Protein backbone atom coordinates (compact mmCIF):
# COMPACT_ATOMS: atom_id res chain seq x y z
CA MET A 1 36.45 125.56 73.21
CA ALA A 2 38.62 128.30 71.71
CA GLY A 3 39.78 129.58 75.12
CA PRO A 4 41.36 126.32 76.35
CA ALA A 5 42.79 125.63 72.88
CA VAL A 6 44.48 129.04 72.69
CA PHE A 7 45.74 128.71 76.27
CA ARG A 8 47.27 125.28 75.63
CA PHE A 9 48.77 126.42 72.32
CA ALA A 10 50.37 129.47 73.96
CA LEU A 11 51.67 127.41 76.86
CA LEU A 12 53.17 124.76 74.57
CA LEU A 13 54.70 127.39 72.27
CA LEU A 14 56.22 129.11 75.30
CA LEU A 15 57.62 125.76 76.41
CA TRP A 16 59.08 125.29 72.92
CA PHE A 17 60.81 128.68 73.10
CA VAL A 18 62.19 127.93 76.56
CA VAL A 19 63.66 124.62 75.40
CA ALA A 20 64.74 125.47 71.84
CA GLY A 21 65.27 129.21 72.05
CA VAL A 22 63.62 131.94 69.99
CA THR A 23 64.79 131.82 66.38
CA ALA A 24 63.04 132.54 63.07
CA ASP A 25 63.39 128.94 61.88
CA GLY A 26 62.45 127.52 65.26
CA ALA A 27 59.33 129.66 65.56
CA ALA A 28 57.65 128.04 62.55
CA VAL A 29 58.54 124.53 63.69
CA GLY A 30 57.56 125.38 67.26
CA ALA A 31 54.19 126.76 66.15
CA ALA A 32 53.47 123.61 64.15
CA ALA A 33 54.53 121.37 67.05
CA ALA A 34 52.48 123.41 69.54
CA LEU A 35 49.45 123.27 67.24
CA LEU A 36 49.65 119.48 66.90
CA ALA A 37 50.33 119.02 70.61
CA SER A 38 47.38 121.28 71.49
CA TRP A 39 45.07 119.31 69.21
CA ALA A 40 46.25 116.02 70.74
CA SER A 41 45.96 117.30 74.31
CA LEU A 42 42.42 118.58 73.73
CA HIS A 43 41.38 115.17 72.40
CA LEU A 44 43.20 113.17 75.06
CA MET A 45 42.26 115.44 77.97
CA PRO A 46 39.25 117.64 77.20
CA PRO A 47 38.90 120.90 79.15
CA THR A 48 37.02 120.81 82.44
CA ARG A 49 35.63 123.40 84.81
CA ASP A 50 38.03 122.26 87.54
CA TRP A 51 40.80 124.81 87.95
CA PRO A 52 43.57 124.67 90.55
CA ARG A 53 43.44 127.25 93.31
CA PRO A 54 46.92 128.82 93.34
CA ALA A 55 47.00 129.74 97.04
CA ALA A 56 45.71 126.34 98.20
CA LEU A 57 48.07 124.56 95.80
CA ALA A 58 51.00 126.58 97.13
CA ARG A 59 50.02 125.69 100.72
CA LEU A 60 49.78 122.01 99.77
CA LEU A 61 53.19 122.03 98.06
CA LEU A 62 54.89 124.07 100.80
CA ARG A 63 53.46 121.79 103.49
CA PHE A 64 54.93 118.70 101.84
CA PRO A 65 58.64 119.25 102.72
CA TRP A 66 57.71 119.98 106.35
CA GLN A 67 55.70 116.75 106.51
CA ALA A 68 58.57 114.81 104.96
CA LEU A 69 61.07 116.24 107.46
CA ARG A 70 58.79 115.56 110.43
CA ALA A 71 57.95 112.02 109.32
CA GLY A 72 61.55 111.26 108.37
CA THR A 73 62.66 112.31 111.84
CA GLU A 74 59.98 110.10 113.37
CA VAL A 75 61.08 107.10 111.26
CA ALA A 76 64.71 107.70 112.22
CA LEU A 77 63.80 107.84 115.91
CA ILE A 78 61.87 104.57 115.63
CA ALA A 79 64.78 102.94 113.80
CA LEU A 80 67.50 104.16 116.17
CA ASP A 81 65.75 103.92 119.54
CA PRO A 82 65.61 100.28 120.67
CA ARG A 83 62.76 101.06 123.09
CA ARG A 84 60.48 102.21 120.29
CA ARG A 85 58.97 99.62 118.02
CA PRO A 86 57.16 100.32 114.79
CA SER A 87 53.52 99.28 114.85
CA PRO A 88 52.61 98.92 111.18
CA ALA A 89 49.04 98.37 110.10
CA THR A 90 46.97 98.12 106.97
CA ILE A 91 43.55 99.73 107.04
CA ALA A 92 40.67 100.02 104.59
CA TRP A 93 40.07 103.67 103.74
CA MET A 94 37.09 104.92 101.72
CA PRO A 95 38.00 107.87 99.49
CA ARG A 96 35.51 110.60 98.63
CA LEU A 97 36.93 111.05 95.13
CA PRO A 98 35.32 108.85 92.49
CA PRO A 99 37.47 106.26 90.70
CA GLY A 100 39.46 107.81 87.86
CA GLY A 101 42.26 110.22 87.19
CA ALA A 102 41.70 112.50 90.18
CA LEU A 103 41.75 109.59 92.64
CA ASP A 104 44.81 108.12 90.93
CA ALA A 105 46.59 111.48 91.21
CA PHE A 106 45.70 111.76 94.89
CA LEU A 107 46.92 108.22 95.61
CA ALA A 108 50.19 108.99 93.81
CA TYR A 109 50.53 112.12 95.98
CA ALA A 110 49.65 110.13 99.12
CA SER A 111 52.29 107.54 98.27
CA LEU A 112 54.90 110.30 98.61
CA LEU A 113 53.72 111.19 102.11
CA PRO A 114 56.03 109.56 104.63
CA GLY A 115 54.53 106.84 106.79
CA THR A 116 51.62 105.91 104.53
CA LEU A 117 51.41 103.89 101.35
CA PRO A 118 48.27 103.27 99.31
CA ALA A 119 48.43 99.56 98.48
CA GLY A 120 45.57 99.17 96.03
CA GLU A 121 41.83 98.79 95.92
CA ILE A 122 40.28 96.21 98.25
CA ALA A 123 36.54 96.07 97.57
CA ASP A 124 33.61 98.44 97.11
CA GLY A 125 36.00 101.30 96.31
CA ALA A 126 37.95 101.05 99.57
CA ILE A 127 41.71 101.52 99.37
CA ALA A 128 44.20 99.52 101.42
CA ILE A 129 46.53 101.94 103.22
CA HIS A 130 49.71 100.58 104.79
CA ALA A 131 50.91 102.80 107.63
CA LEU A 132 54.04 102.71 109.76
CA ASP A 133 52.31 103.77 112.98
CA ALA A 134 48.94 102.21 113.86
CA SER A 135 48.56 104.41 116.94
CA THR A 136 47.59 107.38 114.76
CA ASP A 137 44.19 107.84 113.13
CA ILE A 138 45.29 106.89 109.62
CA ALA A 139 41.83 107.14 108.05
CA ALA A 140 41.27 110.66 109.40
CA ALA A 141 44.72 111.75 108.20
CA MET A 142 44.06 110.37 104.70
CA THR A 143 40.64 112.04 104.57
CA MET A 144 42.19 115.37 105.64
CA GLU A 145 44.92 115.07 102.99
CA GLU A 146 42.31 114.19 100.37
CA ALA A 147 40.32 117.31 101.33
CA ARG A 148 43.44 119.50 101.01
CA PHE A 149 44.27 117.90 97.66
CA THR A 150 40.76 118.27 96.20
CA HIS A 151 40.56 121.88 97.38
CA ALA A 152 43.97 122.76 95.94
CA PHE A 153 43.09 121.32 92.54
CA GLY A 154 39.55 122.72 92.45
CA LEU A 155 37.88 119.31 92.56
CA ASP A 156 35.57 120.13 95.46
CA ALA A 157 33.46 122.75 93.70
């Protein structure tokens, strides 16, 4: 337990120095604040074996702007071209992540992806997904994004 505690303390103290600057008076206050914050964080969110994979996380984050640009262009074309009509749909999608914080984080991430919106739990753990274009395989796309997300955050080990 000492490893995660020391890591969190050092990270919070570094954050303190970035925000408040490095001064003699501030160091004592910062150390006390970092100690209390570390204690609270360890009790509110105990350490786990799940660690993010930096390369996969970078790929996930770098892919996001490209997806947003592509989907935004698609939405604009649908809105501006009178021959194209949106074909919205709501599907039931079954996530592989168990209910809890990891699934909530993924659904928050998925809500930022253009063209899809998680709309809540339906039944038996299925999630209602509202999509702008029903002609695409929405369930497969959500499952692929979930796999990328779980891999990037080390949840698939």
